[in-house]
C-alpha atoms as a PDB file:
ATOM      1  CA  UNK A   1      27.696  53.391  47.641  1.00  0.00           C
ATOM      2  CA  UNK A   2      27.956  52.122  44.282  1.00  0.00           C
ATOM      3  CA  UNK A   3      31.660  51.369  44.548  1.00  0.00           C
ATOM      4  CA  UNK A   4      31.295  49.274  47.600  1.00  0.00           C
ATOM      5  CA  UNK A   5      28.570  47.367  46.297  1.00  0.00           C
ATOM      6  CA  UNK A   6      28.863  43.493  47.320  1.00  0.00           C
ATOM      7  CA  UNK A   7      27.459  40.455  45.605  1.00  0.00           C
ATOM      8  CA  UNK A   8      27.115  37.045  47.454  1.00  0.00           C
ATOM      9  CA  UNK A   9      27.282  33.644  45.697  1.00  0.00           C
ATOM     10  CA  UNK A  10      25.469  30.659  47.280  1.00  0.00           C
ATOM     11  CA  UNK A  11      26.160  27.294  46.000  1.00  0.00           C
ATOM     12  CA  UNK A  12      24.058  24.117  45.894  1.00  0.00           C
ATOM     13  CA  UNK A  13      25.660  22.796  49.436  1.00  0.00           C
ATOM     14  CA  UNK A  14      25.462  26.017  51.138  1.00  0.00           C
ATOM     15  CA  UNK A  15      21.875  26.484  50.342  1.00  0.00           C
ATOM     16  CA  UNK A  16      20.682  23.064  51.141  1.00  0.00           C
ATOM     17  CA  UNK A  17      22.491  23.401  54.355  1.00  0.00           C
ATOM     18  CA  UNK A  18      20.131  26.551  55.156  1.00  0.00           C
ATOM     19  CA  UNK A  19      16.961  25.022  53.953  1.00  0.00           C
ATOM     20  CA  UNK A  20      15.150  24.050  57.496  1.00  0.00           C
ATOM     21  CA  UNK A  21      11.906  22.572  56.311  1.00  0.00           C
ATOM     22  CA  UNK A  22       9.445  24.692  58.978  1.00  0.00           C
ATOM     23  CA  UNK A  23      11.102  27.753  57.707  1.00  0.00           C
ATOM     24  CA  UNK A  24      10.537  27.001  54.186  1.00  0.00           C
ATOM     25  CA  UNK A  25       6.928  26.251  54.858  1.00  0.00           C
ATOM     26  CA  UNK A  26       6.647  29.500  56.490  1.00  0.00           C
ATOM     27  CA  UNK A  27       8.125  31.457  53.582  1.00  0.00           C
ATOM     28  CA  UNK A  28       6.073  29.383  51.021  1.00  0.00           C
ATOM     29  CA  UNK A  29       2.784  30.093  53.117  1.00  0.00           C
ATOM     30  CA  UNK A  30       3.581  33.877  53.270  1.00  0.00           C
ATOM     31  CA  UNK A  31       4.259  33.949  49.298  1.00  0.00           C
ATOM     32  CA  UNK A  32       0.801  32.428  48.714  1.00  0.00           C
ATOM     33  CA  UNK A  33      -0.841  34.925  51.122  1.00  0.00           C
ATOM     34  CA  UNK A  34       0.861  37.800  49.412  1.00  0.00           C
ATOM     35  CA  UNK A  35      -0.001  36.522  46.052  1.00  0.00           C
ATOM     36  CA  UNK A  36      -3.766  36.060  46.709  1.00  0.00           C
ATOM     37  CA  UNK A  37      -4.107  39.327  48.311  1.00  0.00           C
ATOM     38  CA  UNK A  38      -2.599  40.871  45.145  1.00  0.00           C
ATOM     39  CA  UNK A  39       0.390  42.303  47.170  1.00  0.00           C
ATOM     40  CA  UNK A  40       2.945  40.225  45.080  1.00  0.00           C
ATOM     41  CA  UNK A  41       3.407  40.556  41.342  1.00  0.00           C
ATOM     42  CA  UNK A  42       4.111  37.320  39.299  1.00  0.00           C
ATOM     43  CA  UNK A  43       5.248  38.154  35.766  1.00  0.00           C
ATOM     44  CA  UNK A  44       4.316  35.818  32.677  1.00  0.00           C
ATOM     45  CA  UNK A  45       6.215  32.669  32.737  1.00  0.00           C
ATOM     46  CA  UNK A  46       8.883  31.906  30.006  1.00  0.00           C
ATOM     47  CA  UNK A  47       8.753  28.169  29.127  1.00  0.00           C
ATOM     48  CA  UNK A  48      10.484  27.543  25.820  1.00  0.00           C
ATOM     49  CA  UNK A  49      11.443  23.661  24.306  1.00  0.00           C
ATOM     50  CA  UNK A  50      14.995  23.287  23.222  1.00  0.00           C
ATOM     51  CA  UNK A  51      16.471  20.872  21.183  1.00  0.00           C
ATOM     52  CA  UNK A  52      18.356  19.588  24.133  1.00  0.00           C
ATOM     53  CA  UNK A  53      15.419  20.087  26.739  1.00  0.00           C
ATOM     54  CA  UNK A  54      13.175  22.914  28.155  1.00  0.00           C
ATOM     55  CA  UNK A  55      14.190  26.303  29.658  1.00  0.00           C
ATOM     56  CA  UNK A  56      12.111  28.580  31.631  1.00  0.00           C
ATOM     57  CA  UNK A  57      11.945  31.781  33.537  1.00  0.00           C
ATOM     58  CA  UNK A  58       9.856  32.524  36.517  1.00  0.00           C
ATOM     59  CA  UNK A  59      10.085  36.085  37.991  1.00  0.00           C
ATOM     60  CA  UNK A  60       8.112  38.261  40.158  1.00  0.00           C
ATOM     61  CA  UNK A  61       8.253  41.112  42.909  1.00  0.00           C
ATOM     62  CA  UNK A  62       6.739  42.378  46.254  1.00  0.00           C
ATOM     63  CA  UNK A  63       7.130  45.991  46.104  1.00  0.00           C
ATOM     64  CA  UNK A  64       6.231  46.527  49.702  1.00  0.00           C
ATOM     65  CA  UNK A  65       8.919  44.355  51.045  1.00  0.00           C
ATOM     66  CA  UNK A  66      11.667  45.418  48.181  1.00  0.00           C
ATOM     67  CA  UNK A  67      11.953  41.885  46.776  1.00  0.00           C
ATOM     68  CA  UNK A  68      12.535  41.274  43.148  1.00  0.00           C
ATOM     69  CA  UNK A  69      14.083  38.765  41.160  1.00  0.00           C
ATOM     70  CA  UNK A  70      13.834  35.365  39.070  1.00  0.00           C
ATOM     71  CA  UNK A  71      14.739  31.974  38.692  1.00  0.00           C
ATOM     72  CA  UNK A  72      15.877  30.518  35.235  1.00  0.00           C
ATOM     73  CA  UNK A  73      15.416  26.746  35.304  1.00  0.00           C
ATOM     74  CA  UNK A  74      14.704  23.886  33.047  1.00  0.00           C
ATOM     75  CA  UNK A  75      15.058  20.196  32.228  1.00  0.00           C
ATOM     76  CA  UNK A  76      18.124  18.773  30.467  1.00  0.00           C
ATOM     77  CA  UNK A  77      17.749  15.079  30.092  1.00  0.00           C
ATOM     78  CA  UNK A  78      21.063  14.523  28.448  1.00  0.00           C
ATOM     79  CA  UNK A  79      22.575  15.431  31.849  1.00  0.00           C
ATOM     80  CA  UNK A  80      22.129  11.841  32.995  1.00  0.00           C
ATOM     81  CA  UNK A  81      24.813  10.715  30.579  1.00  0.00           C
ATOM     82  CA  UNK A  82      27.327  12.775  32.168  1.00  0.00           C
ATOM     83  CA  UNK A  83      26.185  11.857  35.673  1.00  0.00           C
ATOM     84  CA  UNK A  84      24.635  15.312  36.167  1.00  0.00           C
ATOM     85  CA  UNK A  85      21.280  16.446  37.420  1.00  0.00           C
ATOM     86  CA  UNK A  86      18.746  17.129  34.619  1.00  0.00           C
ATOM     87  CA  UNK A  87      17.102  19.652  36.736  1.00  0.00           C
ATOM     88  CA  UNK A  88      18.970  22.975  36.690  1.00  0.00           C
ATOM     89  CA  UNK A  89      18.002  25.944  38.346  1.00  0.00           C
ATOM     90  CA  UNK A  90      19.657  29.515  39.419  1.00  0.00           C
ATOM     91  CA  UNK A  91      17.832  32.104  41.314  1.00  0.00           C
ATOM     92  CA  UNK A  92      19.002  35.941  41.259  1.00  0.00           C
ATOM     93  CA  UNK A  93      17.798  38.362  43.683  1.00  0.00           C
ATOM     94  CA  UNK A  94      18.072  42.249  42.643  1.00  0.00           C
ATOM     95  CA  UNK A  95      17.674  45.402  44.499  1.00  0.00           C
ATOM     96  CA  UNK A  96      14.381  46.968  43.140  1.00  0.00           C
ATOM     97  CA  UNK A  97      15.606  50.524  43.743  1.00  0.00           C
ATOM     98  CA  UNK A  98      18.629  50.205  41.560  1.00  0.00           C
ATOM     99  CA  UNK A  99      17.864  47.052  39.747  1.00  0.00           C
ATOM    100  CA  UNK A 100      21.442  45.680  40.925  1.00  0.00           C
ATOM    101  CA  UNK A 101      22.169  41.782  41.668  1.00  0.00           C
ATOM    102  CA  UNK A 102      22.510  41.204  45.213  1.00  0.00           C
ATOM    103  CA  UNK A 103      22.490  37.550  45.403  1.00  0.00           C
ATOM    104  CA  UNK A 104      22.939  34.557  43.024  1.00  0.00           C
ATOM    105  CA  UNK A 105      21.863  31.292  44.351  1.00  0.00           C
ATOM    106  CA  UNK A 106      21.819  27.413  43.240  1.00  0.00           C
ATOM    107  CA  UNK A 107      18.404  26.886  42.712  1.00  0.00           C
ATOM    108  CA  UNK A 108      17.896  23.471  42.389  1.00  0.00           C
ATOM    109  CA  UNK A 109      17.767  22.576  46.364  1.00  0.00           C
ATOM    110  CA  UNK A 110      15.350  25.581  46.673  1.00  0.00           C
ATOM    111  CA  UNK A 111      12.913  24.365  43.798  1.00  0.00           C
ATOM    112  CA  UNK A 112      12.873  20.826  45.555  1.00  0.00           C
ATOM    113  CA  UNK A 113      11.999  22.361  49.045  1.00  0.00           C
ATOM    114  CA  UNK A 114       9.708  25.104  47.982  1.00  0.00           C
ATOM    115  CA  UNK A 115       7.729  22.552  45.864  1.00  0.00           C
ATOM    116  CA  UNK A 116       7.588  20.088  48.680  1.00  0.00           C
ATOM    117  CA  UNK A 117       6.672  22.880  51.252  1.00  0.00           C
ATOM    118  CA  UNK A 118       3.843  23.897  49.038  1.00  0.00           C
ATOM    119  CA  UNK A 119       2.754  20.277  48.831  1.00  0.00           C
ATOM    120  CA  UNK A 120       2.980  20.115  52.561  1.00  0.00           C
ATOM    121  CA  UNK A 121       0.671  23.318  52.931  1.00  0.00           C
ATOM    122  CA  UNK A 122      -1.729  21.536  50.470  1.00  0.00           C
ATOM    123  CA  UNK A 123      -1.785  18.435  52.808  1.00  0.00           C
ATOM    124  CA  UNK A 124      -2.163  20.337  56.206  1.00  0.00           C
ATOM    125  CA  UNK A 125      -5.211  22.291  54.460  1.00  0.00           C
ATOM    126  CA  UNK A 126      -6.970  19.867  52.350  1.00  0.00           C
ATOM    127  CA  UNK A 127      -6.090  16.209  53.319  1.00  0.00           C
ATOM    128  CA  UNK A 128      -8.124  14.637  55.937  1.00  0.00           C
ATOM    129  CA  UNK A 129      -5.918  15.202  59.510  1.00  0.00           C
ATOM    130  CA  UNK A 130      -6.232  11.406  60.154  1.00  0.00           C
ATOM    131  CA  UNK A 131      -4.831  10.187  56.944  1.00  0.00           C
ATOM    132  CA  UNK A 132      -2.699   6.993  57.317  1.00  0.00           C
ATOM    133  CA  UNK A 133      -2.426   5.721  53.904  1.00  0.00           C
ATOM    134  CA  UNK A 134      -0.589   7.587  50.905  1.00  0.00           C
ATOM    135  CA  UNK A 135       0.318   6.572  47.355  1.00  0.00           C
ATOM    136  CA  UNK A 136       3.253   8.172  45.565  1.00  0.00           C
ATOM    137  CA  UNK A 137       3.831   7.978  42.103  1.00  0.00           C
ATOM    138  CA  UNK A 138       7.611   8.753  41.293  1.00  0.00           C
ATOM    139  CA  UNK A 139      10.806   7.934  43.316  1.00  0.00           C
ATOM    140  CA  UNK A 140      13.043  11.033  42.146  1.00  0.00           C
ATOM    141  CA  UNK A 141      14.116  14.199  43.704  1.00  0.00           C
ATOM    142  CA  UNK A 142      10.562  15.855  43.798  1.00  0.00           C
ATOM    143  CA  UNK A 143       9.144  12.474  45.025  1.00  0.00           C
ATOM    144  CA  UNK A 144      11.288  11.984  47.838  1.00  0.00           C
ATOM    145  CA  UNK A 145      10.910  15.775  48.997  1.00  0.00           C
ATOM    146  CA  UNK A 146       7.312  15.755  48.853  1.00  0.00           C
ATOM    147  CA  UNK A 147       7.214  12.421  50.795  1.00  0.00           C
ATOM    148  CA  UNK A 148       9.677  13.507  53.405  1.00  0.00           C
ATOM    149  CA  UNK A 149       7.330  16.524  53.883  1.00  0.00           C
ATOM    150  CA  UNK A 150       4.415  14.448  53.967  1.00  0.00           C
ATOM    151  CA  UNK A 151       5.601  12.251  56.968  1.00  0.00           C
ATOM    152  CA  UNK A 152       6.345  15.548  58.756  1.00  0.00           C
ATOM    153  CA  UNK A 153       3.039  17.236  58.349  1.00  0.00           C
ATOM    154  CA  UNK A 154       0.647  14.173  58.403  1.00  0.00           C
ATOM    155  CA  UNK A 155       1.182  12.783  62.081  1.00  0.00           C
ATOM    156  CA  UNK A 156      -1.048   9.690  61.417  1.00  0.00           C
ATOM    157  CA  UNK A 157       0.666   8.669  58.122  1.00  0.00           C
ATOM    158  CA  UNK A 158       2.208   5.130  58.420  1.00  0.00           C
ATOM    159  CA  UNK A 159       1.504   3.382  55.231  1.00  0.00           C
ATOM    160  CA  UNK A 160       3.141   4.497  51.797  1.00  0.00           C
ATOM    161  CA  UNK A 161       2.896   2.636  48.559  1.00  0.00           C
ATOM    162  CA  UNK A 162       4.863   3.803  45.627  1.00  0.00           C
ATOM    163  CA  UNK A 163       4.536   3.556  41.753  1.00  0.00           C
ATOM    164  CA  UNK A 164       7.347   3.837  39.312  1.00  0.00           C
ATOM    165  CA  UNK A 165       7.148   4.173  35.588  1.00  0.00           C
ATOM    166  CA  UNK A 166       9.245   1.119  34.912  1.00  0.00           C
ATOM    167  CA  UNK A 167       6.801  -0.935  37.148  1.00  0.00           C
ATOM    168  CA  UNK A 168       9.911  -1.882  39.258  1.00  0.00           C
ATOM    169  CA  UNK A 169      10.757  -1.588  42.932  1.00  0.00           C
ATOM    170  CA  UNK A 170      13.439   1.002  43.562  1.00  0.00           C
ATOM    171  CA  UNK A 171      15.510  -0.300  46.348  1.00  0.00           C
ATOM    172  CA  UNK A 172      17.556   2.954  46.702  1.00  0.00           C
ATOM    173  CA  UNK A 173      14.279   4.948  47.289  1.00  0.00           C
ATOM    174  CA  UNK A 174      13.164   2.424  49.761  1.00  0.00           C
ATOM    175  CA  UNK A 175      16.223   2.574  51.718  1.00  0.00           C
ATOM    176  CA  UNK A 176      15.968   6.650  51.761  1.00  0.00           C
ATOM    177  CA  UNK A 177      12.894   6.115  53.869  1.00  0.00           C
ATOM    178  CA  UNK A 178      13.526   2.895  56.002  1.00  0.00           C
ATOM    179  CA  UNK A 179      12.179   2.960  59.239  1.00  0.00           C
ATOM    180  CA  UNK A 180      10.141   6.312  58.687  1.00  0.00           C
ATOM    181  CA  UNK A 181       7.147   4.370  57.451  1.00  0.00           C
ATOM    182  CA  UNK A 182       6.049   1.201  55.997  1.00  0.00           C
ATOM    183  CA  UNK A 183       6.984   1.538  52.469  1.00  0.00           C
ATOM    184  CA  UNK A 184       5.976  -0.947  49.777  1.00  0.00           C
ATOM    185  CA  UNK A 185       6.162  -0.947  46.002  1.00  0.00           C
ATOM    186  CA  UNK A 186       2.790  -0.882  44.289  1.00  0.00           C
ATOM    187  CA  UNK A 187       2.513  -2.852  41.023  1.00  0.00           C
ATOM    188  CA  UNK A 188      -1.070  -2.046  40.414  1.00  0.00           C
ATOM    189  CA  UNK A 189      -1.630   1.741  40.504  1.00  0.00           C
ATOM    190  CA  UNK A 190      -5.214   1.724  40.526  1.00  0.00           C
ATOM    191  CA  UNK A 191      -5.529  -0.567  43.411  1.00  0.00           C
ATOM    192  CA  UNK A 192      -2.726   1.668  45.367  1.00  0.00           C
ATOM    193  CA  UNK A 193      -4.960   4.726  44.684  1.00  0.00           C
ATOM    194  CA  UNK A 194      -8.088   3.127  45.919  1.00  0.00           C
ATOM    195  CA  UNK A 195      -6.445   1.996  49.154  1.00  0.00           C
ATOM    196  CA  UNK A 196      -4.827   5.662  49.905  1.00  0.00           C
ATOM    197  CA  UNK A 197      -6.301   8.651  51.877  1.00  0.00           C
ATOM    198  CA  UNK A 198      -3.785  10.632  50.043  1.00  0.00           C
ATOM    199  CA  UNK A 199      -2.068  10.560  46.240  1.00  0.00           C
ATOM    200  CA  UNK A 200       0.758  12.594  45.483  1.00  0.00           C
ATOM    201  CA  UNK A 201       1.877  12.590  41.796  1.00  0.00           C
ATOM    202  CA  UNK A 202       5.365  13.715  41.099  1.00  0.00           C
ATOM    203  CA  UNK A 203       6.198  12.222  37.579  1.00  0.00           C
ATOM    204  CA  UNK A 204       7.141  13.837  34.225  1.00  0.00           C
ATOM    205  CA  UNK A 205       3.475  14.232  33.635  1.00  0.00           C
ATOM    206  CA  UNK A 206       3.666  11.828  30.389  1.00  0.00           C
ATOM    207  CA  UNK A 207      -0.047  11.170  30.842  1.00  0.00           C
ATOM    208  CA  UNK A 208      -2.798   9.694  33.335  1.00  0.00           C
ATOM    209  CA  UNK A 209      -1.209   7.517  35.999  1.00  0.00           C
ATOM    210  CA  UNK A 210      -4.617   5.988  37.205  1.00  0.00           C
ATOM    211  CA  UNK A 211      -8.043   5.596  36.462  1.00  0.00           C
ATOM    212  CA  UNK A 212     -10.940   7.675  37.229  1.00  0.00           C
ATOM    213  CA  UNK A 213     -12.736   4.930  39.017  1.00  0.00           C
ATOM    214  CA  UNK A 214      -9.758   4.145  41.458  1.00  0.00           C
ATOM    215  CA  UNK A 215     -10.329   7.565  43.355  1.00  0.00           C
ATOM    216  CA  UNK A 216     -12.414   7.024  46.390  1.00  0.00           C
ATOM    217  CA  UNK A 217     -14.452   9.463  48.221  1.00  0.00           C
ATOM    218  CA  UNK A 218     -12.536  11.669  50.653  1.00  0.00           C
ATOM    219  CA  UNK A 219      -9.191  11.266  48.862  1.00  0.00           C
ATOM    220  CA  UNK A 220      -6.820  14.227  48.782  1.00  0.00           C
ATOM    221  CA  UNK A 221      -4.496  14.534  45.714  1.00  0.00           C
ATOM    222  CA  UNK A 222      -1.284  16.397  45.372  1.00  0.00           C
ATOM    223  CA  UNK A 223      -0.677  17.006  41.630  1.00  0.00           C
ATOM    224  CA  UNK A 224       2.868  18.298  41.243  1.00  0.00           C
ATOM    225  CA  UNK A 225       4.154  16.978  37.631  1.00  0.00           C
ATOM    226  CA  UNK A 226       2.185  18.966  35.466  1.00  0.00           C
ATOM    227  CA  UNK A 227       3.912  22.259  34.838  1.00  0.00           C
ATOM    228  CA  UNK A 228       3.870  22.720  31.132  1.00  0.00           C
ATOM    229  CA  UNK A 229       1.567  23.050  28.202  1.00  0.00           C
ATOM    230  CA  UNK A 230       0.552  19.246  27.269  1.00  0.00           C
ATOM    231  CA  UNK A 231       1.439  17.797  30.627  1.00  0.00           C
ATOM    232  CA  UNK A 232      -0.934  15.696  32.612  1.00  0.00           C
ATOM    233  CA  UNK A 233      -1.047  12.950  35.391  1.00  0.00           C
ATOM    234  CA  UNK A 234      -4.706  12.797  36.461  1.00  0.00           C
ATOM    235  CA  UNK A 235      -7.348  10.900  34.767  1.00  0.00           C
ATOM    236  CA  UNK A 236     -10.033  12.720  32.261  1.00  0.00           C
ATOM    237  CA  UNK A 237     -12.992  13.811  34.440  1.00  0.00           C
ATOM    238  CA  UNK A 238     -11.300  13.704  37.840  1.00  0.00           C
ATOM    239  CA  UNK A 239     -11.341  17.545  38.250  1.00  0.00           C
ATOM    240  CA  UNK A 240     -14.904  17.723  37.605  1.00  0.00           C
ATOM    241  CA  UNK A 241     -15.651  15.388  40.714  1.00  0.00           C
ATOM    242  CA  UNK A 242     -13.076  17.505  43.082  1.00  0.00           C
ATOM    243  CA  UNK A 243     -12.774  20.437  44.782  1.00  0.00           C
ATOM    244  CA  UNK A 244      -9.918  22.074  42.922  1.00  0.00           C
ATOM    245  CA  UNK A 245      -7.232  24.209  44.421  1.00  0.00           C
ATOM    246  CA  UNK A 246      -4.395  25.749  42.772  1.00  0.00           C
ATOM    247  CA  UNK A 247      -1.661  27.961  43.544  1.00  0.00           C
ATOM    248  CA  UNK A 248      -2.304  30.555  40.931  1.00  0.00           C
ATOM    249  CA  UNK A 249      -5.423  30.502  38.641  1.00  0.00           C
ATOM    250  CA  UNK A 250      -4.166  31.473  35.322  1.00  0.00           C
ATOM    251  CA  UNK A 251      -1.093  29.741  35.631  1.00  0.00           C
ATOM    252  CA  UNK A 252      -2.672  26.330  36.530  1.00  0.00           C
ATOM    253  CA  UNK A 253      -5.152  26.818  33.630  1.00  0.00           C
ATOM    254  CA  UNK A 254      -2.217  27.298  31.352  1.00  0.00           C
ATOM    255  CA  UNK A 255       0.429  24.926  32.787  1.00  0.00           C
ATOM    256  CA  UNK A 256      -1.214  22.746  35.222  1.00  0.00           C
ATOM    257  CA  UNK A 257      -3.892  19.905  35.570  1.00  0.00           C
ATOM    258  CA  UNK A 258      -6.390  22.774  35.350  1.00  0.00           C
ATOM    259  CA  UNK A 259      -5.223  23.476  31.663  1.00  0.00           C
ATOM    260  CA  UNK A 260      -7.467  20.267  30.651  1.00  0.00           C
ATOM    261  CA  UNK A 261     -10.634  21.795  32.416  1.00  0.00           C
ATOM    262  CA  UNK A 262      -9.921  25.524  32.341  1.00  0.00           C
ATOM    263  CA  UNK A 263     -13.358  26.288  32.622  1.00  0.00           C
ATOM    264  CA  UNK A 264     -14.087  24.590  35.941  1.00  0.00           C
ATOM    265  CA  UNK A 265     -14.046  26.825  39.147  1.00  0.00           C
ATOM    266  CA  UNK A 266     -10.915  26.674  41.532  1.00  0.00           C
ATOM    267  CA  UNK A 267      -9.670  28.557  44.480  1.00  0.00           C
ATOM    268  CA  UNK A 268      -6.158  29.644  45.087  1.00  0.00           C
ATOM    269  CA  UNK A 269      -4.875  28.174  48.167  1.00  0.00           C
ATOM    270  CA  UNK A 270      -3.531  31.502  49.525  1.00  0.00           C
ATOM    271  CA  UNK A 271      -7.195  32.510  49.770  1.00  0.00           C
ATOM    272  CA  UNK A 272      -8.554  29.220  50.893  1.00  0.00           C
ATOM    273  CA  UNK A 273     -11.259  29.597  53.559  1.00  0.00           C
ATOM    274  CA  UNK A 274     -10.240  28.406  56.950  1.00  0.00           C
ATOM    275  CA  UNK A 275     -13.200  25.792  57.257  1.00  0.00           C
ATOM    276  CA  UNK A 276     -13.246  22.053  57.861  1.00  0.00           C
ATOM    277  CA  UNK A 277     -13.290  19.910  54.561  1.00  0.00           C
ATOM    278  CA  UNK A 278     -16.281  17.719  54.070  1.00  0.00           C
ATOM    279  CA  UNK A 279     -14.995  14.178  55.005  1.00  0.00           C
ATOM    280  CA  UNK A 280     -16.128  12.636  51.763  1.00  0.00           C
ATOM    281  CA  UNK A 281     -14.959  15.267  49.355  1.00  0.00           C
ATOM    282  CA  UNK A 282     -12.353  14.592  46.884  1.00  0.00           C
ATOM    283  CA  UNK A 283      -9.805  17.483  46.613  1.00  0.00           C
ATOM    284  CA  UNK A 284      -7.079  18.184  44.291  1.00  0.00           C
ATOM    285  CA  UNK A 285      -4.239  20.622  44.951  1.00  0.00           C
ATOM    286  CA  UNK A 286      -2.395  21.387  41.481  1.00  0.00           C
ATOM    287  CA  UNK A 287       0.820  22.978  42.123  1.00  0.00           C
ATOM    288  CA  UNK A 288       2.645  24.956  39.101  1.00  0.00           C
ATOM    289  CA  UNK A 289       4.979  26.667  41.105  1.00  0.00           C
ATOM    290  CA  UNK A 290       5.284  30.428  41.807  1.00  0.00           C
ATOM    291  CA  UNK A 291       8.128  33.167  41.333  1.00  0.00           C
ATOM    292  CA  UNK A 292       7.148  34.419  44.706  1.00  0.00           C
ATOM    293  CA  UNK A 293       7.824  30.968  46.306  1.00  0.00           C
ATOM    294  CA  UNK A 294      11.234  30.882  44.904  1.00  0.00           C
ATOM    295  CA  UNK A 295      12.065  34.388  46.076  1.00  0.00           C
ATOM    296  CA  UNK A 296      10.650  34.289  49.478  1.00  0.00           C
ATOM    297  CA  UNK A 297      12.549  31.130  50.096  1.00  0.00           C
ATOM    298  CA  UNK A 298      15.796  32.584  48.533  1.00  0.00           C
ATOM    299  CA  UNK A 299      15.521  35.844  50.502  1.00  0.00           C
ATOM    300  CA  UNK A 300      15.267  33.621  53.753  1.00  0.00           C
ATOM    301  CA  UNK A 301      18.416  31.814  52.448  1.00  0.00           C
ATOM    302  CA  UNK A 302      20.222  34.796  52.078  1.00  0.00           C
ATOM    303  CA  UNK A 303      19.449  36.387  55.463  1.00  0.00           C
ATOM    304  CA  UNK A 304      20.530  33.269  57.083  1.00  0.00           C
ATOM    305  CA  UNK A 305      23.817  33.157  54.905  1.00  0.00           C
ATOM    306  CA  UNK A 306      24.807  36.595  55.699  1.00  0.00           C
ATOM    307  CA  UNK A 307      24.032  35.822  59.551  1.00  0.00           C
ATOM    308  CA  UNK A 308      26.259  33.163  59.317  1.00  0.00           C
ATOM    309  CA  UNK A 309      29.052  34.426  57.081  1.00  0.00           C
ATOM    310  CA  UNK A 310      28.420  31.925  54.611  1.00  0.00           C
ATOM    311  CA  UNK A 311      29.018  31.919  50.838  1.00  0.00           C
ATOM    312  CA  UNK A 312      31.267  33.940  48.477  1.00  0.00           C
ATOM    313  CA  UNK A 313      31.104  37.699  48.995  1.00  0.00           C
ATOM    314  CA  UNK A 314      32.597  39.508  46.020  1.00  0.00           C
ATOM    315  CA  UNK A 315      32.760  43.104  44.922  1.00  0.00           C
ATOM    316  CA  UNK A 316      30.300  44.180  42.318  1.00  0.00           C
ATOM    317  CA  UNK A 317      30.728  47.961  41.871  1.00  0.00           C
ATOM    318  CA  UNK A 318      28.127  49.464  39.499  1.00  0.00           C
END
């Protein structure tokens, strides 16, 4: 009934507590499959520079599943001066039959979790199963989330080298993963890449992080940081040497690493054939982030919150 409609509000700590990694991976995998089968609609991305940062909107729908919503998100670097998180995201789920809002969720934890889950799916499908060594660029929220998932889904992984933009070790980052792997700071990015089975780039995307010659046969790369026009992390010529896999073909060519080689063939991960990779093939997974990932994970979080009676449930008559 219109007069009895409710709206649930889920804050960051509540959302974070409901993000069980395996459930997030399942939701993201379903989003990829729906997208590649054409069952889910992804609407045009809004990505606009502001004087204070960048603001964007990713939205979409799955009509057959009554799923509709958007994520409003962006990056405000000045937040650091106030002791706050520069990445800000809010997700809203709507009832597609009426357009009324059903739930407003803090989107920061969902963004990190769904992006890392997408990266984990890329590792499971593209990295060599016996991968033991990993090179990680970045030590921020995304880098930590991606390494956390990599250690879950690559059972042989035991050695991690990491590179920072300052060229200095990050002791806080090292402490976060103490005991989970052999972790060491890598002052030479090219040497670290050359010695690694897997490379994950999770930086602001200010430019190439290593040289083309550093990438060895058989290496898999998860490219995370290029999500806006002009951003890149990979060297010129690498995509032409690799099997390129993307989350969305059009979006990757507009916003991701694929924007630097838009004519190259690529495969969406949701449509990736289930066949073994050649062991000497270089593979790249270009992650730009899909609205359907956010919405699928948000729906899972909402269902868990409702089952456990979590969040603030308020009257929202329409």
